[in-house]
Each structure stands twice: as structure tokens, then as C-alpha cells.
Amino acid sequence: MSATNNEYKPGTMDDLYDESKLTDSIKEVEEKWKLVPAFLKCRGLVKQHIDSFNYFINVEIKKILKANERLTTDVDPSFFARFTEINVGMPGLVEENYESVTITPQKCRLRDMTYAAPITVNIEYTRGKQVVQVQDVLIGRIPIMLRSSNCVLTNKTHEQLAQLGECPMDPGGYFIVRGAEKVILNHEQLSKNRIIIETDPKGFPCSTVTSSTHERKSRTNIVMKHEKLYLKHNTFCEDIPVIVFLKGHLHGADDPSYHHCQQRPLDARRQGLLRQQAYRVERPARVAAL
């Protein structure tokens, strides 16, 4: 009896979706090629680009605004301006007659335009003793990635894509800037806010951590020189012995006010004290070496 279309066929793509075979080890290297079509079917080649861009315009951009939401001035201490909300709209264009129209990627290609969307914010500021609120203030435009959440091609059928002049098989994941298609290249970088321990070119152990927030970034290294541990930071001109840094940072730990101050970043005065203590420790060693 011949096998029907619904029957299982060993040695075919059905093996990838057989739950009893998912945990089996791959015995031959030639069988690994079956993982490629399964990955392309589940993830595709540009899904990581689209997901990253969607997270940026929907979540990350709001966090950046939250970290820099308040503006003040030294001229008038009572004045302030605060951003309350930020939104990225749909791609559009303002024509010469001041009419706002929706644009498509194909129009941008033909007219050498940028496929971009407006960025609007809600602002409240003081005017005398009153607090004024303004809605949907345009602060700029941002290029929109094709097939992202704010793209006009999202959730369109093949027929609708053909009417818009787009190829139904185009996965998206790129931008259109001045009529040219641009793509973001991936690059590898160290994980942020994680302590990474490795060995330096001389074979000594060292640790590195890249601290990153929405407000600032810094890099801290613990290296070994002359059989001693040193702290290297981008705000210090010279390397500081770790014990000196700990002594300066933990100075006054028995004081009740220490627990209130320990979370503050190093100011200029504390950095100067650390440099002085480091010089006092290093100076006898330098004199002895001479």
C-alpha cells in the first residue's frame, strides 16, 4: 500500500517535528542541514532586527525619555519643563500644500525620500505660576524599519503588498534613506552590567565590567601589575591600588551617615582624595626603586 500525504515518512523534514526525536543526538554531520530550513521557518533571517527595532520604538525610547524627563535652568529656578510621554507615529509626509499624507516604501524609493515617522512628545512647563500642558509636540523624525510594528506593510496580505508595489517575499528588516536601502550590520560586544573574568595578554587574571544606564556609561577593570591588584576606571587618570580604593570608598563605614552616602557616585572631592592616597602608597615604592 502506497503512503499517503498524511503518513509519516522517515528521513524527511517530519523528523524535525517529531517530539520523540527532538532530544536525540545528531549522529551524522550531513543531517545537520535539516536544522537550517527549520530555523528559517521559525525565525527567519531578519526577525532579530525587527524585534530589536520594535523594542526600541515601543519600550526603550520611553525609558530614555524617563531618564531625562525634567529640564531646569539656573536663570529662573522656578521654571521647569517635563516630558510626560513620547510616541512614534506612522510614516507620513507633509506635502507642499501642508497636507499630511501616508507614504509607502515604494514611493520613497521612487522619489529619493526617507521612509520616516514623526516623533511627538507631551510637555508640561511653567509659565509664571501656572503649569501649561502641550500635547503632540513634534521634536523630530526617525527612519522606520520595513515590516516593523510602525510600518504600513505590517499584517498586509500578498495582494495588498502587490498593490503597494512591494514583493510579498521581501522579509523587510532594513531602512530606506534618501531612496536607498540601508541595513544595520550586526557586531559583537561585551555584555553590559556583567562581570567578565579573563586573562590578559601576559597571562594574569583580570576582570572587566561595563556599567550602562540610560544616563551614563562607564568601564571598570581590575588588573594585576607588579603582583598587586589595581583599579582602572575611565574617570581616573592613573590606575589606583584596589586596597586604596576600598579604603577611600569605605572610609567612615561606622558612621551612620555612611549608609546614606554610599550609593552616591564619586564626586570630584572624593576622586581627589583617592588620587592623593594612591600617590602616598606609590611614592615610597618609587623612591625605593630609585
Protein backbone atom coordinates (compact mmCIF):
# COMPACT_ATOMS: atom_id res chain seq x y z
CA MET A 1 0.00 0.00 0.00
CA SER A 2 1.45 3.34 -1.00
CA ALA A 3 1.98 6.02 1.63
CA THR A 4 -0.48 8.90 1.64
CA ASN A 5 0.41 12.56 2.15
CA ASN A 6 -0.59 12.42 5.84
CA GLU A 7 1.61 9.44 6.70
CA TYR A 8 4.97 9.80 8.42
CA LYS A 9 7.96 9.41 6.13
CA PRO A 10 11.26 8.59 7.86
CA GLY A 11 14.34 10.54 6.83
CA THR A 12 12.36 13.63 5.79
CA MET A 13 11.53 17.00 7.36
CA ASP A 14 8.93 15.23 9.50
CA ASP A 15 11.78 14.16 11.80
CA LEU A 16 12.19 17.77 12.92
CA TYR A 17 8.66 17.97 14.26
CA ASP A 18 8.53 14.51 15.83
CA GLU A 19 8.56 15.17 19.60
CA SER A 20 10.01 11.73 20.30
CA LYS A 21 13.08 12.60 18.20
CA LEU A 22 13.74 16.16 19.40
CA THR A 23 16.11 15.03 22.16
CA ASP A 24 18.01 12.53 20.02
CA SER A 25 21.61 13.42 19.24
CA ILE A 26 22.63 14.05 15.65
CA LYS A 27 24.80 11.13 14.64
CA GLU A 28 25.99 12.38 11.26
CA VAL A 29 27.14 15.83 10.21
CA GLU A 30 25.13 15.60 7.00
CA GLU A 31 21.90 15.54 8.99
CA LYS A 32 22.56 18.99 10.47
CA TRP A 33 21.43 20.64 7.25
CA LYS A 34 17.87 19.85 8.35
CA LEU A 35 18.20 22.48 11.09
CA VAL A 36 18.62 25.29 8.56
CA PRO A 37 15.14 25.14 6.95
CA ALA A 38 13.58 24.63 10.39
CA PHE A 39 15.33 27.75 11.71
CA LEU A 40 14.36 29.79 8.66
CA LYS A 41 10.76 28.66 9.01
CA CYS A 42 10.56 29.53 12.71
CA ARG A 43 12.75 32.63 12.95
CA GLY A 44 13.80 33.83 9.52
CA LEU A 45 16.89 35.89 8.74
CA VAL A 46 15.74 39.34 9.89
CA LYS A 47 13.44 38.67 12.83
CA GLN A 48 16.13 39.73 15.31
CA HIS A 49 16.42 43.09 13.53
CA ILE A 50 12.66 43.70 13.57
CA ASP A 51 12.22 42.61 17.20
CA SER A 52 15.09 44.85 18.31
CA PHE A 53 13.69 47.87 16.46
CA ASN A 54 10.17 47.26 17.81
CA TYR A 55 11.55 47.12 21.35
CA PHE A 56 13.40 50.39 20.80
CA ILE A 57 10.47 52.45 19.49
CA ASN A 58 7.92 50.95 21.89
CA VAL A 59 9.87 50.47 25.13
CA GLU A 60 13.46 51.71 25.09
CA ILE A 61 12.72 55.20 23.79
CA LYS A 62 10.26 55.71 26.65
CA LYS A 63 12.92 54.69 29.19
CA ILE A 64 15.38 57.15 27.67
CA LEU A 65 12.81 59.93 27.97
CA LYS A 66 12.05 58.93 31.56
CA ALA A 67 15.74 59.23 32.49
CA ASN A 68 15.90 62.77 31.02
CA GLU A 69 12.35 63.96 31.54
CA ARG A 70 12.94 67.15 33.54
CA LEU A 71 14.68 70.32 32.31
CA THR A 72 15.63 73.22 34.57
CA THR A 73 17.61 76.44 34.25
CA ASP A 74 19.87 78.42 36.57
CA VAL A 75 18.40 81.71 35.35
CA ASP A 76 14.97 81.01 36.83
CA PRO A 77 14.96 78.25 39.50
CA SER A 78 11.15 78.15 39.48
CA PHE A 79 10.99 77.25 35.78
CA PHE A 80 10.94 73.65 34.62
CA ALA A 81 9.87 71.67 31.59
CA ARG A 82 8.97 68.00 31.82
CA PHE A 83 8.35 65.43 29.11
CA THR A 84 5.41 63.27 30.14
CA GLU A 85 5.05 60.96 27.14
CA ILE A 86 6.71 60.16 23.82
CA ASN A 87 5.26 58.40 20.79
CA VAL A 88 6.49 57.30 17.38
CA GLY A 89 3.80 57.67 14.72
CA MET A 90 3.24 56.06 11.35
CA PRO A 91 5.33 57.03 8.30
CA GLY A 92 3.95 60.18 6.73
CA LEU A 93 4.82 63.22 4.69
CA VAL A 94 3.72 66.85 4.64
CA GLU A 95 3.25 67.98 1.05
CA GLU A 96 3.80 71.50 -0.27
CA ASN A 97 0.14 72.33 0.35
CA TYR A 98 0.67 71.41 4.05
CA GLU A 99 -1.41 68.26 3.64
CA SER A 100 -0.26 65.25 5.67
CA VAL A 101 -0.30 62.04 3.65
CA THR A 102 0.80 58.47 4.30
CA ILE A 103 3.85 57.30 2.40
CA THR A 104 4.87 53.81 1.35
CA PRO A 105 8.36 52.36 0.89
CA GLN A 106 7.93 52.22 -2.88
CA LYS A 107 7.12 55.94 -3.05
CA CYS A 108 10.26 56.69 -1.05
CA ARG A 109 12.36 54.63 -3.45
CA LEU A 110 10.98 56.40 -6.50
CA ARG A 111 11.17 59.93 -5.03
CA ASP A 112 14.53 59.55 -3.23
CA MET A 113 12.91 60.14 0.14
CA THR A 114 13.45 58.75 3.63
CA TYR A 115 10.84 56.34 4.95
CA ALA A 116 10.45 58.01 8.34
CA ALA A 117 7.83 58.66 11.01
CA PRO A 118 7.32 61.66 13.32
CA ILE A 119 8.32 61.63 16.99
CA THR A 120 5.93 63.57 19.23
CA VAL A 121 6.02 64.31 22.95
CA ASN A 122 3.69 65.70 25.57
CA ILE A 123 5.26 68.55 27.55
CA GLU A 124 4.28 70.44 30.67
CA TYR A 125 6.13 73.60 31.68
CA THR A 126 5.70 76.59 33.95
CA ARG A 127 4.53 79.98 32.72
CA GLY A 128 4.69 82.29 35.69
CA LYS A 129 2.78 80.46 38.41
CA GLN A 130 0.80 78.29 36.00
CA VAL A 131 1.67 74.85 34.67
CA VAL A 132 0.94 74.61 30.95
CA GLN A 133 0.47 71.27 29.18
CA VAL A 134 1.05 70.84 25.45
CA GLN A 135 0.17 67.68 23.54
CA ASP A 136 1.80 66.07 20.48
CA VAL A 137 4.77 68.40 20.01
CA LEU A 138 6.89 67.34 17.04
CA ILE A 139 10.55 67.01 18.02
CA GLY A 140 11.93 65.06 15.06
CA ARG A 141 11.59 62.14 12.68
CA ILE A 142 13.03 58.63 12.81
CA PRO A 143 13.54 56.16 9.94
CA ILE A 144 11.18 53.21 10.16
CA MET A 145 12.31 49.65 9.54
CA LEU A 146 10.28 47.79 6.95
CA ARG A 147 7.89 45.17 8.40
CA SER A 148 8.23 46.65 11.90
CA SER A 149 5.25 47.46 14.11
CA ASN A 150 5.00 51.03 12.73
CA CYS A 151 5.42 50.08 9.07
CA VAL A 152 2.46 50.29 6.67
CA LEU A 153 3.39 46.85 5.30
CA THR A 154 2.75 45.04 8.58
CA ASN A 155 -0.09 42.48 8.55
CA LYS A 156 -0.75 43.01 4.85
CA THR A 157 -1.77 40.15 2.56
CA HIS A 158 0.11 39.23 -0.61
CA GLU A 159 -2.49 41.00 -2.73
CA GLN A 160 -2.27 44.18 -0.66
CA LEU A 161 1.53 44.13 -0.82
CA ALA A 162 1.39 43.77 -4.59
CA GLN A 163 -0.91 46.79 -4.80
CA LEU A 164 1.62 48.81 -2.78
CA GLY A 165 4.39 47.81 -5.18
CA GLU A 166 6.15 45.50 -2.70
CA CYS A 167 7.36 41.94 -3.16
CA PRO A 168 5.41 39.55 -0.90
CA MET A 169 8.61 37.54 -0.32
CA ASP A 170 10.58 40.57 0.92
CA PRO A 171 11.25 39.91 4.65
CA GLY A 172 11.98 43.56 5.48
CA GLY A 173 14.37 44.41 8.28
CA TYR A 174 16.02 47.38 6.52
CA PHE A 175 15.53 51.13 6.12
CA ILE A 176 15.04 53.44 3.14
CA VAL A 177 17.14 56.60 3.43
CA ARG A 178 17.02 59.10 0.56
CA GLY A 179 15.73 56.41 -1.75
CA ALA A 180 18.49 53.89 -0.95
CA GLU A 181 18.00 50.73 1.08
CA LYS A 182 20.15 50.65 4.23
CA VAL A 183 20.68 47.76 6.63
CA ILE A 184 22.20 47.70 10.12
CA LEU A 185 25.20 45.40 10.43
CA ASN A 186 25.48 43.20 13.50
CA HIS A 187 28.59 43.44 15.64
CA GLU A 188 29.67 41.59 18.73
CA GLN A 189 30.27 43.41 22.00
CA LEU A 190 30.72 42.51 25.65
CA SER A 191 27.66 42.06 27.82
CA LYS A 192 26.76 45.13 29.87
CA ASN A 193 26.40 45.18 33.66
CA ARG A 194 28.09 41.78 33.95
CA ILE A 195 31.46 40.95 35.49
CA ILE A 196 33.65 39.19 32.93
CA ILE A 197 36.77 37.40 34.21
CA GLU A 198 39.50 36.53 31.74
CA THR A 199 43.26 36.59 31.31
CA ASP A 200 45.26 39.47 29.86
CA PRO A 201 47.95 39.06 27.15
CA LYS A 202 50.55 38.40 29.87
CA GLY A 203 48.51 35.54 31.33
CA PHE A 204 47.41 37.35 34.51
CA PRO A 205 43.74 37.18 35.56
CA CYS A 206 41.68 40.35 35.19
CA SER A 207 38.03 41.33 35.47
CA THR A 208 36.01 43.82 33.46
CA VAL A 209 32.54 45.27 33.85
CA THR A 210 30.85 47.77 31.56
CA SER A 211 28.19 49.63 33.51
CA SER A 212 25.48 51.15 31.35
CA THR A 213 22.34 53.09 32.24
CA HIS A 214 20.14 55.49 30.33
CA GLU A 215 22.09 58.39 31.84
CA ARG A 216 25.76 57.38 31.69
CA LYS A 217 28.20 54.63 30.80
CA SER A 218 31.44 53.61 32.49
CA ARG A 219 34.01 50.85 32.32
CA THR A 220 35.87 49.38 35.29
CA ASN A 221 38.83 46.99 35.13
CA ILE A 222 40.66 45.09 37.84
CA VAL A 223 44.16 44.30 36.59
CA MET A 224 47.29 42.84 38.14
CA LYS A 225 50.59 44.73 37.94
CA HIS A 226 53.73 44.01 39.93
CA GLU A 227 51.86 41.27 41.82
CA LYS A 228 49.27 43.81 43.02
CA LEU A 229 45.66 44.43 42.06
CA TYR A 230 44.86 47.82 40.55
CA LEU A 231 41.60 49.53 39.71
CA LYS A 232 41.37 51.10 36.25
CA HIS A 233 38.42 53.41 35.59
CA ASN A 234 37.66 55.81 32.76
CA THR A 235 37.32 58.73 35.21
CA PHE A 236 40.80 58.19 36.73
CA CYS A 237 43.98 59.37 35.06
CA GLU A 238 46.10 56.66 36.70
CA ASP A 239 45.49 53.17 37.99
CA ILE A 240 44.70 53.01 41.72
CA PRO A 241 45.50 50.09 44.03
CA VAL A 242 42.34 48.23 44.92
CA ILE A 243 43.03 48.43 48.65
CA VAL A 244 43.33 52.22 48.41
CA PHE A 245 40.03 52.47 46.57
CA LEU A 246 38.29 50.25 49.13
CA LYS A 247 39.77 52.23 51.99
CA GLY A 248 38.67 55.52 50.46
CA HIS A 249 35.25 54.24 49.48
CA LEU A 250 34.56 52.53 52.82
CA HIS A 251 36.04 55.34 54.92
CA GLY A 252 33.60 56.12 57.69
CA ALA A 253 31.61 52.91 57.36
CA ASP A 254 30.95 53.02 61.10
CA ASP A 255 29.36 56.44 60.71
CA PRO A 256 25.52 56.25 60.39
CA SER A 257 25.68 58.75 57.54
CA TYR A 258 27.79 56.27 55.54
CA HIS A 259 24.75 54.19 54.62
CA HIS A 260 23.15 57.35 53.24
CA CYS A 261 26.18 58.35 51.18
CA GLN A 262 27.48 55.01 49.91
CA GLN A 263 25.07 54.93 46.97
CA ARG A 264 26.18 58.32 45.64
CA PRO A 265 28.60 58.41 42.69
CA LEU A 266 32.14 59.61 43.28
CA ASP A 267 32.29 63.39 43.17
CA ALA A 268 35.37 65.47 42.37
CA ARG A 269 36.39 65.79 46.04
CA ARG A 270 36.31 62.04 46.70
CA GLN A 271 38.17 61.34 43.46
CA GLY A 272 40.86 63.80 44.55
CA LEU A 273 41.21 62.07 47.92
CA LEU A 274 41.59 58.71 46.21
CA ARG A 275 44.33 60.07 43.96
CA GLN A 276 46.17 61.54 46.98
CA GLN A 277 46.01 58.24 48.86
CA ALA A 278 47.18 56.36 45.78
CA TYR A 279 50.13 58.77 45.45
CA ARG A 280 51.07 58.25 49.11
CA VAL A 281 51.09 54.49 48.63
CA GLU A 282 53.01 54.57 45.35
CA ARG A 283 55.59 57.23 46.33
CA PRO A 284 57.61 55.05 48.78
CA ALA A 285 57.76 52.29 46.19
CA ARG A 286 59.02 54.71 43.54
CA VAL A 287 61.66 56.15 45.89
CA ALA A 288 62.83 52.66 46.80
CA ALA A 289 63.10 51.77 43.13
CA LEU A 290 65.32 54.82 42.53
